[in-house]
Amino acid sequence: MSARRVLATLVALVLTTAFAPAVATAEPAPPDDTFYVPPSPLPAGRPGDVIRWRPSNAGPRHASVDAWQVMYLSTNALGQPDAVTGTVLVPKTADRATAPIVAFAPGTHGPAFACTPSKMIDIGAFYEQPGLDDLLDAGYAVAVPDYEGYQPAPKTTYVVGRSEGPAVIDAVRAAQRLGAAGLSTSAKVVFRGYSQGGGAAAWAGELQPSYAPELNLVGVAAGGVPADLVQVTLQLDGKFGFGVFAYALLGLDQAYPELQLDSFLSDNGRAKLAEMKQSACTFELLTTYANQKIADYTTGPGYIKPAWVARLNENKLGGTPPRVPVFLYHATGDQLVQFAQADSLHKTYCAAGVQETWKTYDTDHITLVYTGNADVLAFVRDRIAGKPATANC
């Protein structure tokens, strides 16, 4: 073989390796909860590469879908590699070569490991099942991230958009790189979520152009969005949603070690948050911890110190509006995620020229988890069908 042909062969090999879709050789998956423990050190690879996978029972969808629990590489709030788990579901009747992929960002599940969304899906206890069913019945593949930190010793980074956004995006990449799923890297993609999931979907939409420009993203549907964490959390002190406030402090602290939440916790606060991490899911957050006060958890308002303010501002939506059509929606009587800050995000997106559909509902936060699904599905269908978006700014 001539020197020229050798050189040409080497160049072709390099280019093929550099630009071919990554289909990771996943490691064997343990059958027990050690599945959720990230390997140490993490394997080399790119965000979205599959570390391990195993079949999921998929709860009530067991007979109609093929489903897998996956662990994949992603990026944490500090920009460092991490490992995230989730679920990939594909309708048995879908044409996998052309099936669109919807990233379904779940709402609040709570800090305890038992609450992990993929575990809830597996056993049929996923409270957003109706919204998930809508997408599967429409023939779409669905990727549901657990977000960072769901493992037997949980360190969840609740409402931290800089962690949640990559977790949502990389769930799609993992679905595309999971050989068993057979999905296309050119599939149309939509990000969809409500509440914590609405924030995560919006963050995924804002980060996608720089973080995952290769995705064929065609729309973002985000409801009940906690766009400004300061406005959302502080107004919950002493009210029904106090558990969400306390969990947000915990989530931020676990994302950013320099915040040192423990340094201004009282003994009571330390015990309550330890209890929360051990046993609280969404129901407990909204019942066991309802109407409590942050003053009873802390020795002072350490969460308003400059380090906290900087991280809170870093996780405020609106800085890099999505480049695809957006359906943004919110309940006017939302008692958990303040309406005014969502309205502000809507106006920010409109001012930036986003093709945005903004819709309000005369109801409360929890009701809209379910009553918003029909409009979300209509938006998703239209974006996947390629219909022009009609903004109502």
Protein backbone atom coordinates (compact mmCIF):
# COMPACT_ATOMS: atom_id res chain seq x y z
CA MET A 1 0.00 0.00 0.00
CA SER A 2 1.39 3.43 -0.95
CA ALA A 3 2.16 6.07 1.65
CA ARG A 4 -0.62 8.22 0.18
CA ARG A 5 -3.21 5.43 0.56
CA VAL A 6 -2.07 4.75 4.12
CA LEU A 7 -2.46 8.43 4.95
CA ALA A 8 -5.90 8.55 3.32
CA THR A 9 -7.00 5.47 5.25
CA LEU A 10 -5.84 6.96 8.56
CA VAL A 11 -7.59 10.26 7.86
CA ALA A 12 -10.84 8.44 7.01
CA LEU A 13 -10.60 6.41 10.20
CA VAL A 14 -10.10 9.54 12.31
CA LEU A 15 -13.01 11.35 10.68
CA THR A 16 -15.32 8.36 11.03
CA THR A 17 -14.46 8.02 14.71
CA ALA A 18 -14.87 11.74 15.37
CA PHE A 19 -18.24 12.23 13.72
CA ALA A 20 -20.02 8.89 13.97
CA PRO A 21 -22.86 8.70 16.52
CA ALA A 22 -21.53 7.42 19.81
CA VAL A 23 -22.99 4.05 20.73
CA ALA A 24 -21.32 3.25 24.02
CA THR A 25 -20.47 -0.27 25.03
CA ALA A 26 -22.43 -0.33 28.25
CA GLU A 27 -21.21 -2.23 31.26
CA PRO A 28 -23.27 -5.09 32.75
CA ALA A 29 -26.21 -3.76 34.77
CA PRO A 30 -26.71 -5.01 38.33
CA PRO A 31 -30.23 -6.24 39.06
CA ASP A 32 -30.53 -4.43 42.40
CA ASP A 33 -30.36 -0.80 43.52
CA THR A 34 -26.60 -0.66 42.96
CA PHE A 35 -27.70 0.07 39.38
CA TYR A 36 -28.15 3.66 40.56
CA VAL A 37 -24.64 4.01 42.04
CA PRO A 38 -22.36 5.76 39.53
CA PRO A 39 -19.08 3.99 38.78
CA SER A 40 -16.00 5.62 40.26
CA PRO A 41 -14.19 6.89 38.37
CA LEU A 42 -16.72 7.67 35.67
CA PRO A 43 -15.94 6.11 32.31
CA ALA A 44 -14.55 8.26 29.54
CA GLY A 45 -17.09 9.46 27.03
CA ARG A 46 -19.36 12.25 25.88
CA PRO A 47 -22.54 13.56 27.49
CA GLY A 48 -25.33 11.17 26.61
CA ASP A 49 -23.17 8.07 26.35
CA VAL A 50 -24.84 5.07 28.00
CA ILE A 51 -22.96 3.66 30.99
CA ARG A 52 -25.36 0.78 31.71
CA TRP A 53 -28.94 -0.27 31.01
CA ARG A 54 -31.50 -2.89 31.97
CA PRO A 55 -35.14 -3.60 31.08
CA SER A 56 -37.90 -1.63 32.82
CA ASN A 57 -41.31 -3.09 33.62
CA ALA A 58 -42.84 0.25 32.56
CA GLY A 59 -45.77 -0.10 34.98
CA PRO A 60 -49.16 -0.01 33.23
CA ARG A 61 -47.46 0.26 29.82
CA HIS A 62 -45.69 -3.08 30.15
CA ALA A 63 -47.58 -4.75 27.31
CA SER A 64 -47.50 -1.84 24.87
CA VAL A 65 -43.93 -0.53 25.05
CA ASP A 66 -40.36 -1.67 25.17
CA ALA A 67 -38.64 0.12 28.04
CA TRP A 68 -35.23 0.35 29.64
CA GLN A 69 -33.70 1.99 32.67
CA VAL A 70 -30.46 3.69 31.69
CA MET A 71 -27.50 5.38 33.32
CA TYR A 72 -25.77 7.91 31.10
CA LEU A 73 -23.07 10.54 31.21
CA SER A 74 -24.20 14.14 31.69
CA THR A 75 -22.95 17.44 33.12
CA ASN A 76 -23.54 18.85 36.60
CA ALA A 77 -24.13 22.45 37.64
CA LEU A 78 -20.38 23.05 37.95
CA GLY A 79 -19.81 21.92 34.36
CA GLN A 80 -18.24 18.64 35.45
CA PRO A 81 -19.12 15.14 34.19
CA ASP A 82 -21.70 13.23 36.21
CA ALA A 83 -23.92 10.17 35.80
CA VAL A 84 -27.71 10.39 35.60
CA THR A 85 -30.32 7.64 35.43
CA GLY A 86 -33.63 7.59 33.64
CA THR A 87 -36.08 5.59 31.54
CA VAL A 88 -36.43 5.18 27.78
CA LEU A 89 -39.82 3.97 26.48
CA VAL A 90 -40.66 3.11 22.87
CA PRO A 91 -44.14 2.02 21.72
CA LYS A 92 -44.04 -1.48 20.26
CA THR A 93 -45.94 -0.20 17.21
CA ALA A 94 -43.54 2.69 16.53
CA ASP A 95 -41.30 2.84 13.48
CA ARG A 96 -38.07 3.23 15.40
CA ALA A 97 -36.18 4.61 12.41
CA THR A 98 -38.46 7.66 12.29
CA ALA A 99 -40.07 7.90 15.75
CA PRO A 100 -39.89 11.37 17.30
CA ILE A 101 -38.41 11.57 20.81
CA VAL A 102 -39.99 13.56 23.62
CA ALA A 103 -37.91 14.27 26.71
CA PHE A 104 -40.44 14.12 29.55
CA ALA A 105 -38.95 16.11 32.44
CA PRO A 106 -40.74 14.93 35.60
CA GLY A 107 -42.12 17.21 38.27
CA THR A 108 -41.15 17.15 41.95
CA HIS A 109 -40.63 13.63 43.27
CA GLY A 110 -38.88 14.42 46.55
CA PRO A 111 -35.35 13.90 47.86
CA ALA A 112 -35.60 10.28 49.04
CA PHE A 113 -34.19 7.51 46.86
CA ALA A 114 -37.50 5.63 46.98
CA CYS A 115 -39.05 8.53 45.02
CA THR A 116 -36.79 8.17 41.96
CA PRO A 117 -38.93 8.68 38.82
CA SER A 118 -37.56 5.60 37.04
CA LYS A 119 -38.50 3.48 40.05
CA MET A 120 -41.99 5.01 40.06
CA ILE A 121 -42.43 4.32 36.33
CA ASP A 122 -41.24 0.75 36.79
CA ILE A 123 -43.78 -0.09 39.50
CA GLY A 124 -46.69 1.90 38.05
CA ALA A 125 -46.64 4.74 40.60
CA PHE A 126 -45.60 7.65 38.34
CA TYR A 127 -48.05 10.45 39.17
CA GLU A 128 -47.65 12.03 35.72
CA GLN A 129 -48.63 8.79 33.98
CA PRO A 130 -51.52 10.41 32.04
CA GLY A 131 -49.14 12.84 30.34
CA LEU A 132 -46.69 10.03 29.64
CA ASP A 133 -49.50 7.91 28.21
CA ASP A 134 -50.52 10.71 25.84
CA LEU A 135 -47.09 10.72 24.24
CA LEU A 136 -46.75 6.94 24.03
CA ASP A 137 -50.25 6.60 22.57
CA ALA A 138 -49.26 9.16 19.92
CA GLY A 139 -46.43 6.86 18.86
CA TYR A 140 -43.54 8.88 20.27
CA ALA A 141 -40.48 7.50 21.99
CA VAL A 142 -40.08 9.07 25.44
CA ALA A 143 -36.94 9.68 27.52
CA VAL A 144 -37.56 10.45 31.20
CA PRO A 145 -34.53 11.65 33.21
CA ASP A 146 -34.31 11.08 36.95
CA TYR A 147 -32.07 14.18 37.26
CA GLU A 148 -28.79 14.20 39.13
CA GLY A 149 -28.31 12.49 42.48
CA TYR A 150 -30.97 9.78 42.73
CA GLN A 151 -28.98 6.94 44.30
CA PRO A 152 -29.18 4.96 47.56
CA ALA A 153 -27.39 7.81 49.37
CA PRO A 154 -29.30 10.56 47.54
CA LYS A 155 -27.78 13.92 46.63
CA THR A 156 -30.47 15.37 44.39
CA THR A 157 -29.97 18.86 42.97
CA TYR A 158 -33.59 19.96 43.06
CA VAL A 159 -34.62 22.97 40.91
CA VAL A 160 -31.00 23.63 39.87
CA GLY A 161 -31.48 24.36 36.18
CA ARG A 162 -27.78 24.18 35.37
CA SER A 163 -27.92 20.50 36.34
CA GLU A 164 -31.45 19.66 35.21
CA GLY A 165 -31.13 21.10 31.70
CA PRO A 166 -28.20 18.87 30.71
CA ALA A 167 -29.90 15.86 32.33
CA VAL A 168 -32.94 16.37 30.08
CA ILE A 169 -30.88 16.91 26.93
CA ASP A 170 -28.62 13.95 27.61
CA ALA A 171 -31.61 11.67 28.25
CA VAL A 172 -32.46 12.19 24.56
CA ARG A 173 -28.88 11.52 23.52
CA ALA A 174 -28.86 8.36 25.64
CA ALA A 175 -32.11 7.20 24.02
CA GLN A 176 -30.53 7.73 20.59
CA ARG A 177 -27.36 5.86 21.57
CA LEU A 178 -29.07 2.94 23.27
CA GLY A 179 -28.69 0.25 20.65
CA ALA A 180 -31.65 -1.76 21.95
CA ALA A 181 -34.00 1.19 21.35
CA GLY A 182 -33.04 1.60 17.69
CA LEU A 183 -33.88 5.32 17.58
CA SER A 184 -32.50 7.79 15.06
CA THR A 185 -30.00 10.54 15.80
CA SER A 186 -31.94 12.74 13.37
CA ALA A 187 -35.32 12.20 15.06
CA LYS A 188 -37.43 15.24 15.81
CA VAL A 189 -37.14 16.15 19.50
CA VAL A 190 -39.41 18.01 21.93
CA PHE A 191 -38.69 18.90 25.56
CA ARG A 192 -41.77 18.72 27.80
CA GLY A 193 -42.30 19.20 31.53
CA TYR A 194 -44.39 20.71 34.32
CA SER A 195 -43.40 22.28 37.66
CA GLN A 196 -39.83 21.16 38.39
CA GLY A 197 -40.09 19.50 35.00
CA GLY A 198 -41.24 22.75 33.41
CA GLY A 199 -38.14 24.47 34.72
CA ALA A 200 -35.97 21.58 33.53
CA ALA A 201 -37.56 21.60 30.05
CA ALA A 202 -37.11 25.37 29.74
CA TRP A 203 -33.48 25.08 30.85
CA ALA A 204 -32.94 22.34 28.29
CA GLY A 205 -34.41 24.65 25.65
CA GLU A 206 -32.11 27.51 26.64
CA LEU A 207 -28.98 25.34 26.79
CA GLN A 208 -29.56 23.20 23.71
CA PRO A 209 -28.09 25.52 21.04
CA SER A 210 -24.70 25.55 22.73
CA TYR A 211 -24.77 22.23 24.58
CA ALA A 212 -26.38 19.94 21.99
CA PRO A 213 -26.63 21.73 18.63
CA GLU A 214 -26.87 18.38 16.82
CA LEU A 215 -30.34 17.64 18.23
CA ASN A 216 -33.24 18.18 15.86
CA LEU A 217 -35.17 20.16 18.47
CA VAL A 218 -38.55 21.43 17.24
CA GLY A 219 -40.27 22.67 20.38
CA VAL A 220 -40.41 23.14 24.16
CA ALA A 221 -43.57 22.77 26.29
CA ALA A 222 -43.05 24.05 29.83
CA GLY A 223 -45.73 24.59 32.46
CA GLY A 224 -45.72 25.79 36.07
CA VAL A 225 -42.16 26.98 35.54
CA PRO A 226 -40.02 28.02 38.55
CA ALA A 227 -38.11 30.59 36.49
CA ASP A 228 -36.86 32.75 39.37
CA LEU A 229 -35.99 30.67 42.43
CA VAL A 230 -35.85 33.67 44.76
CA GLN A 231 -39.43 34.66 43.93
CA VAL A 232 -40.64 31.06 44.05
CA THR A 233 -39.07 29.91 47.31
CA LEU A 234 -39.23 32.84 49.72
CA GLN A 235 -43.00 33.25 49.33
CA LEU A 236 -43.48 29.65 50.53
CA ASP A 237 -42.15 30.27 54.03
CA GLY A 238 -44.80 29.35 56.60
CA LYS A 239 -47.21 28.18 53.91
CA PHE A 240 -48.54 25.00 52.34
CA GLY A 241 -45.48 24.61 50.12
CA PHE A 242 -42.80 25.07 52.77
CA GLY A 243 -41.44 21.57 52.10
CA VAL A 244 -40.64 22.67 48.54
CA PHE A 245 -38.74 25.69 49.92
CA ALA A 246 -36.70 23.51 52.27
CA TYR A 247 -36.03 20.97 49.52
CA ALA A 248 -34.84 23.75 47.20
CA LEU A 249 -32.26 24.84 49.79
CA LEU A 250 -31.11 21.24 50.04
CA GLY A 251 -30.94 20.87 46.28
CA LEU A 252 -28.87 24.03 45.81
CA ASP A 253 -26.49 23.04 48.59
CA GLN A 254 -25.95 19.61 47.02
CA ALA A 255 -25.21 21.21 43.66
CA TYR A 256 -22.85 23.85 45.03
CA PRO A 257 -20.73 22.70 48.00
CA GLU A 258 -19.48 26.21 48.74
CA LEU A 259 -22.96 27.24 49.91
CA GLN A 260 -22.48 25.32 53.18
CA LEU A 261 -26.12 25.04 54.18
CA ASP A 262 -25.14 23.09 57.29
CA SER A 263 -23.26 26.12 58.62
CA PHE A 264 -26.50 27.98 59.39
CA LEU A 265 -28.86 25.10 60.18
CA SER A 266 -30.21 24.68 63.69
CA ASP A 267 -30.23 21.24 65.27
CA ASN A 268 -33.92 21.00 64.40
CA GLY A 269 -33.27 22.00 60.79
CA ARG A 270 -30.42 19.52 60.50
CA ALA A 271 -32.64 16.72 61.80
CA LYS A 272 -35.61 17.70 59.62
CA LEU A 273 -33.57 17.83 56.40
CA ALA A 274 -31.89 14.52 57.21
CA GLU A 275 -35.34 13.04 57.72
CA MET A 276 -36.52 14.60 54.45
CA LYS A 277 -33.62 13.06 52.50
CA GLN A 278 -34.37 9.67 54.00
CA SER A 279 -38.13 9.41 53.55
CA ALA A 280 -39.85 12.36 51.84
CA CYS A 281 -41.53 12.06 48.46
CA THR A 282 -43.90 14.66 46.98
CA PHE A 283 -46.78 13.78 49.30
CA GLU A 284 -44.63 14.15 52.42
CA LEU A 285 -43.19 17.46 51.21
CA LEU A 286 -46.73 18.84 50.94
CA THR A 287 -48.09 17.36 54.16
CA THR A 288 -45.45 16.55 56.78
CA TYR A 289 -43.63 19.84 56.18
CA ALA A 290 -46.59 22.10 55.37
CA ASN A 291 -46.84 25.50 57.04
CA GLN A 292 -43.47 25.28 58.81
CA LYS A 293 -41.06 28.22 58.98
CA ILE A 294 -37.46 28.54 57.87
CA ALA A 295 -36.64 30.38 61.10
CA ASP A 296 -37.23 27.09 62.92
CA TYR A 297 -34.68 25.35 60.68
CA THR A 298 -31.86 27.90 60.76
CA THR A 299 -29.75 30.06 63.06
CA GLY A 300 -29.91 32.95 60.59
CA PRO A 301 -30.80 33.82 56.96
CA GLY A 302 -27.63 32.37 55.44
CA TYR A 303 -29.46 31.77 52.17
CA ILE A 304 -29.34 35.51 51.39
CA LYS A 305 -25.54 35.70 51.58
CA PRO A 306 -23.68 36.66 48.37
CA ALA A 307 -22.68 33.08 47.51
CA TRP A 308 -26.32 31.98 47.59
CA VAL A 309 -27.55 35.02 45.68
CA ALA A 310 -24.95 34.40 42.96
CA ARG A 311 -25.99 30.79 42.48
CA LEU A 312 -29.69 31.67 42.56
CA ASN A 313 -29.16 34.29 39.86
CA GLU A 314 -27.10 31.82 37.84
CA ASN A 315 -30.16 29.54 37.82
CA LYS A 316 -32.67 32.18 36.71
CA LEU A 317 -34.28 31.48 33.35
CA GLY A 318 -34.49 33.98 30.50
CA GLY A 319 -30.84 34.71 29.78
CA THR A 320 -30.62 32.73 26.52
CA PRO A 321 -34.15 32.26 25.20
CA PRO A 322 -34.87 29.09 23.17
CA ARG A 323 -34.59 29.22 19.40
CA VAL A 324 -37.58 26.95 18.80
CA PRO A 325 -41.30 27.44 19.40
CA VAL A 326 -42.29 27.40 23.08
CA PHE A 327 -45.58 26.63 24.80
CA LEU A 328 -45.44 28.30 28.22
CA TYR A 329 -48.39 27.87 30.56
CA HIS A 330 -49.28 28.55 34.19
CA ALA A 331 -52.14 28.49 36.70
CA THR A 332 -53.32 31.91 37.86
CA GLY A 333 -54.06 30.42 41.30
CA ASP A 334 -50.75 28.61 41.61
CA GLN A 335 -50.01 28.22 45.31
CA LEU A 336 -46.56 26.62 44.85
CA VAL A 337 -44.87 28.33 41.91
CA GLN A 338 -45.60 32.05 41.92
CA PHE A 339 -47.54 33.23 38.86
CA ALA A 340 -45.84 36.64 38.59
CA GLN A 341 -42.37 35.27 37.98
CA ALA A 342 -43.69 32.95 35.24
CA ASP A 343 -45.48 35.88 33.63
CA SER A 344 -42.15 37.73 33.72
CA LEU A 345 -40.43 34.85 31.89
CA HIS A 346 -43.21 34.86 29.30
CA LYS A 347 -42.63 38.59 28.67
CA THR A 348 -38.86 38.10 28.51
CA TYR A 349 -39.23 35.40 25.88
CA CYS A 350 -41.66 37.49 23.86
CA ALA A 351 -39.35 40.51 23.96
CA ALA A 352 -36.53 38.29 22.69
CA GLY A 353 -38.60 37.22 19.68
CA VAL A 354 -39.34 33.65 20.80
CA GLN A 355 -42.23 32.03 18.92
CA GLU A 356 -44.12 31.62 22.14
CA THR A 357 -47.64 30.49 22.94
CA TRP A 358 -48.57 31.73 26.42
CA LYS A 359 -51.66 30.34 28.13
CA THR A 360 -53.06 30.82 31.62
CA TYR A 361 -55.54 28.59 33.42
CA ASP A 362 -57.92 29.62 36.19
CA THR A 363 -56.89 26.82 38.53
CA ASP A 364 -54.20 25.74 41.01
CA HIS A 365 -50.75 24.20 40.59
CA ILE A 366 -51.59 20.55 41.23
CA THR A 367 -54.76 20.47 39.11
CA LEU A 368 -52.85 21.81 36.10
CA VAL A 369 -50.49 18.82 36.27
CA TYR A 370 -53.36 16.96 34.59
CA THR A 371 -55.66 19.52 32.95
CA GLY A 372 -52.84 21.01 30.88
CA ASN A 373 -52.00 17.73 29.16
CA ALA A 374 -54.39 18.09 26.22
CA ASP A 375 -52.93 21.46 25.18
CA VAL A 376 -49.39 20.14 25.63
CA LEU A 377 -50.12 17.17 23.39
CA ALA A 378 -51.66 19.43 20.73
CA PHE A 379 -48.55 21.62 20.78
CA VAL A 380 -46.24 18.61 20.57
CA ARG A 381 -48.23 17.10 17.68
CA ASP A 382 -48.10 20.35 15.72
CA ARG A 383 -44.35 20.78 16.16
CA ILE A 384 -43.64 17.22 15.13
CA ALA A 385 -45.97 17.57 12.14
CA GLY A 386 -44.02 20.65 11.07
CA LYS A 387 -46.94 23.07 11.35
CA PRO A 388 -45.90 26.74 11.67
CA ALA A 389 -46.06 28.00 15.24
CA THR A 390 -48.44 30.85 15.99
CA ALA A 391 -47.10 33.12 18.71
CA ASN A 392 -49.55 35.16 20.79
CA CYS A 393 -47.13 37.67 22.30
